[in-house]
Amino acid sequence: MIILSDHTIKKESSEIIDVTIPFADDLASGDTIASASVTVAEFDGTDVTTSISPDDPTISGTNIVQRFKSGTSHTTYLSLIHI
């Protein structure tokens, strides 16, 4: 099964934040998350994954935790999480 979830992230360039994305409502009873990948883009479509979110996401039960850093202040990024 493939579930895509998108989240908008706003942060200052100096901030390092961990974002928890819940998938419990998207999974059938008994399903687990075996792997996850994250892609981060600016709204114009520019891929900034390696600079904004270079670390692999962490799976915590039915949640994905992703660390975001760097970036440009007052810029909106789109994060696509593929489980």
C-alpha atoms as a PDB file:
ATOM      1  CA  MET A   1       0.000   0.000   0.000  1.00  0.00           C
ATOM      2  CA  ILE A   2       1.220   3.493  -0.793  1.00  0.00           C
ATOM      3  CA  ILE A   3      -0.029   6.501   1.156  1.00  0.00           C
ATOM      4  CA  LEU A   4       1.143   9.994   0.329  1.00  0.00           C
ATOM      5  CA  SER A   5       0.708  12.758   2.854  1.00  0.00           C
ATOM      6  CA  ASP A   6       1.624  16.370   2.263  1.00  0.00           C
ATOM      7  CA  HIS A   7       2.374  18.962   4.923  1.00  0.00           C
ATOM      8  CA  THR A   8       3.260  22.632   4.690  1.00  0.00           C
ATOM      9  CA  ILE A   9       6.168  23.770   6.854  1.00  0.00           C
ATOM     10  CA  LYS A  10       7.039  27.359   7.770  1.00  0.00           C
ATOM     11  CA  LYS A  11      10.195  28.029   9.782  1.00  0.00           C
ATOM     12  CA  GLU A  12      12.962  30.527  10.254  1.00  0.00           C
ATOM     13  CA  SER A  13      16.294  29.674   8.598  1.00  0.00           C
ATOM     14  CA  SER A  14      18.050  29.288  11.964  1.00  0.00           C
ATOM     15  CA  GLU A  15      15.456  26.889  13.379  1.00  0.00           C
ATOM     16  CA  ILE A  16      15.902  23.137  13.521  1.00  0.00           C
ATOM     17  CA  ILE A  17      12.538  21.470  14.032  1.00  0.00           C
ATOM     18  CA  ASP A  18      11.313  17.898  14.289  1.00  0.00           C
ATOM     19  CA  VAL A  19       7.898  17.429  12.716  1.00  0.00           C
ATOM     20  CA  THR A  20       5.712  14.440  13.585  1.00  0.00           C
ATOM     21  CA  ILE A  21       3.329  13.354  10.863  1.00  0.00           C
ATOM     22  CA  PRO A  22       0.619  10.918  12.022  1.00  0.00           C
ATOM     23  CA  PHE A  23      -0.564   8.148   9.719  1.00  0.00           C
ATOM     24  CA  ALA A  24      -2.781   6.173  12.132  1.00  0.00           C
ATOM     25  CA  ASP A  25      -5.975   7.311  10.395  1.00  0.00           C
ATOM     26  CA  ASP A  26      -4.576   6.252   7.011  1.00  0.00           C
ATOM     27  CA  LEU A  27      -3.543   2.725   7.984  1.00  0.00           C
ATOM     28  CA  ALA A  28      -5.778  -0.322   8.257  1.00  0.00           C
ATOM     29  CA  SER A  29      -5.932  -2.039  11.622  1.00  0.00           C
ATOM     30  CA  GLY A  30      -2.737  -4.020  12.129  1.00  0.00           C
ATOM     31  CA  ASP A  31      -0.813  -2.285   9.337  1.00  0.00           C
ATOM     32  CA  THR A  32       2.618  -0.903  10.160  1.00  0.00           C
ATOM     33  CA  ILE A  33       5.016   1.495   8.491  1.00  0.00           C
ATOM     34  CA  ALA A  34       8.000  -0.424   7.123  1.00  0.00           C
ATOM     35  CA  SER A  35       9.801   2.445   5.412  1.00  0.00           C
ATOM     36  CA  ALA A  36       9.451   6.135   4.660  1.00  0.00           C
ATOM     37  CA  SER A  37      11.026   8.743   2.431  1.00  0.00           C
ATOM     38  CA  VAL A  38      10.666  12.508   2.383  1.00  0.00           C
ATOM     39  CA  THR A  39      10.922  15.040  -0.426  1.00  0.00           C
ATOM     40  CA  VAL A  40      10.903  18.781   0.309  1.00  0.00           C
ATOM     41  CA  ALA A  41      10.198  21.418  -2.320  1.00  0.00           C
ATOM     42  CA  GLU A  42       9.582  25.110  -2.517  1.00  0.00           C
ATOM     43  CA  PHE A  43       6.155  26.050  -3.863  1.00  0.00           C
ATOM     44  CA  ASP A  44       7.665  26.678  -7.300  1.00  0.00           C
ATOM     45  CA  GLY A  45       8.656  22.996  -7.400  1.00  0.00           C
ATOM     46  CA  THR A  46      12.382  23.419  -6.685  1.00  0.00           C
ATOM     47  CA  ASP A  47      13.609  20.303  -4.837  1.00  0.00           C
ATOM     48  CA  VAL A  48      15.441  21.372  -1.659  1.00  0.00           C
ATOM     49  CA  THR A  49      15.442  18.015   0.149  1.00  0.00           C
ATOM     50  CA  THR A  50      19.217  17.759   0.589  1.00  0.00           C
ATOM     51  CA  SER A  51      19.517  21.199   2.176  1.00  0.00           C
ATOM     52  CA  ILE A  52      16.299  21.297   4.239  1.00  0.00           C
ATOM     53  CA  SER A  53      15.863  17.683   5.309  1.00  0.00           C
ATOM     54  CA  PRO A  54      19.019  15.663   4.618  1.00  0.00           C
ATOM     55  CA  ASP A  55      18.411  13.055   7.347  1.00  0.00           C
ATOM     56  CA  ASP A  56      16.247   9.974   6.843  1.00  0.00           C
ATOM     57  CA  PRO A  57      12.866  10.077   8.594  1.00  0.00           C
ATOM     58  CA  THR A  58      12.318   8.090  11.781  1.00  0.00           C
ATOM     59  CA  ILE A  59       9.403   5.679  12.106  1.00  0.00           C
ATOM     60  CA  SER A  60       7.708   5.825  15.511  1.00  0.00           C
ATOM     61  CA  GLY A  61       4.712   3.503  15.591  1.00  0.00           C
ATOM     62  CA  THR A  62       2.231   4.972  13.109  1.00  0.00           C
ATOM     63  CA  ASN A  63       4.064   8.316  12.955  1.00  0.00           C
ATOM     64  CA  ILE A  64       6.899   9.602  10.815  1.00  0.00           C
ATOM     65  CA  VAL A  65       9.279  12.082  12.460  1.00  0.00           C
ATOM     66  CA  GLN A  66      11.345  14.269  10.165  1.00  0.00           C
ATOM     67  CA  ARG A  67      13.945  16.910  11.064  1.00  0.00           C
ATOM     68  CA  PHE A  68      13.972  20.138   9.069  1.00  0.00           C
ATOM     69  CA  LYS A  69      16.760  22.730   9.145  1.00  0.00           C
ATOM     70  CA  SER A  70      18.267  25.579   7.137  1.00  0.00           C
ATOM     71  CA  GLY A  71      16.105  27.066   4.410  1.00  0.00           C
ATOM     72  CA  THR A  72      15.087  30.650   3.844  1.00  0.00           C
ATOM     73  CA  SER A  73      13.104  32.643   6.406  1.00  0.00           C
ATOM     74  CA  HIS A  74       9.468  33.291   5.501  1.00  0.00           C
ATOM     75  CA  THR A  75       9.550  30.723   2.695  1.00  0.00           C
ATOM     76  CA  THR A  76       6.908  28.009   2.498  1.00  0.00           C
ATOM     77  CA  TYR A  77       8.037  24.458   1.705  1.00  0.00           C
ATOM     78  CA  LEU A  78       6.006  21.410   0.735  1.00  0.00           C
ATOM     79  CA  SER A  79       7.049  18.138   2.330  1.00  0.00           C
ATOM     80  CA  LEU A  80       5.918  14.905   0.674  1.00  0.00           C
ATOM     81  CA  ILE A  81       6.141  11.815   2.851  1.00  0.00           C
ATOM     82  CA  HIS A  82       5.962   8.468   1.088  1.00  0.00           C
ATOM     83  CA  ILE A  83       5.360   5.383   3.235  1.00  0.00           C
END
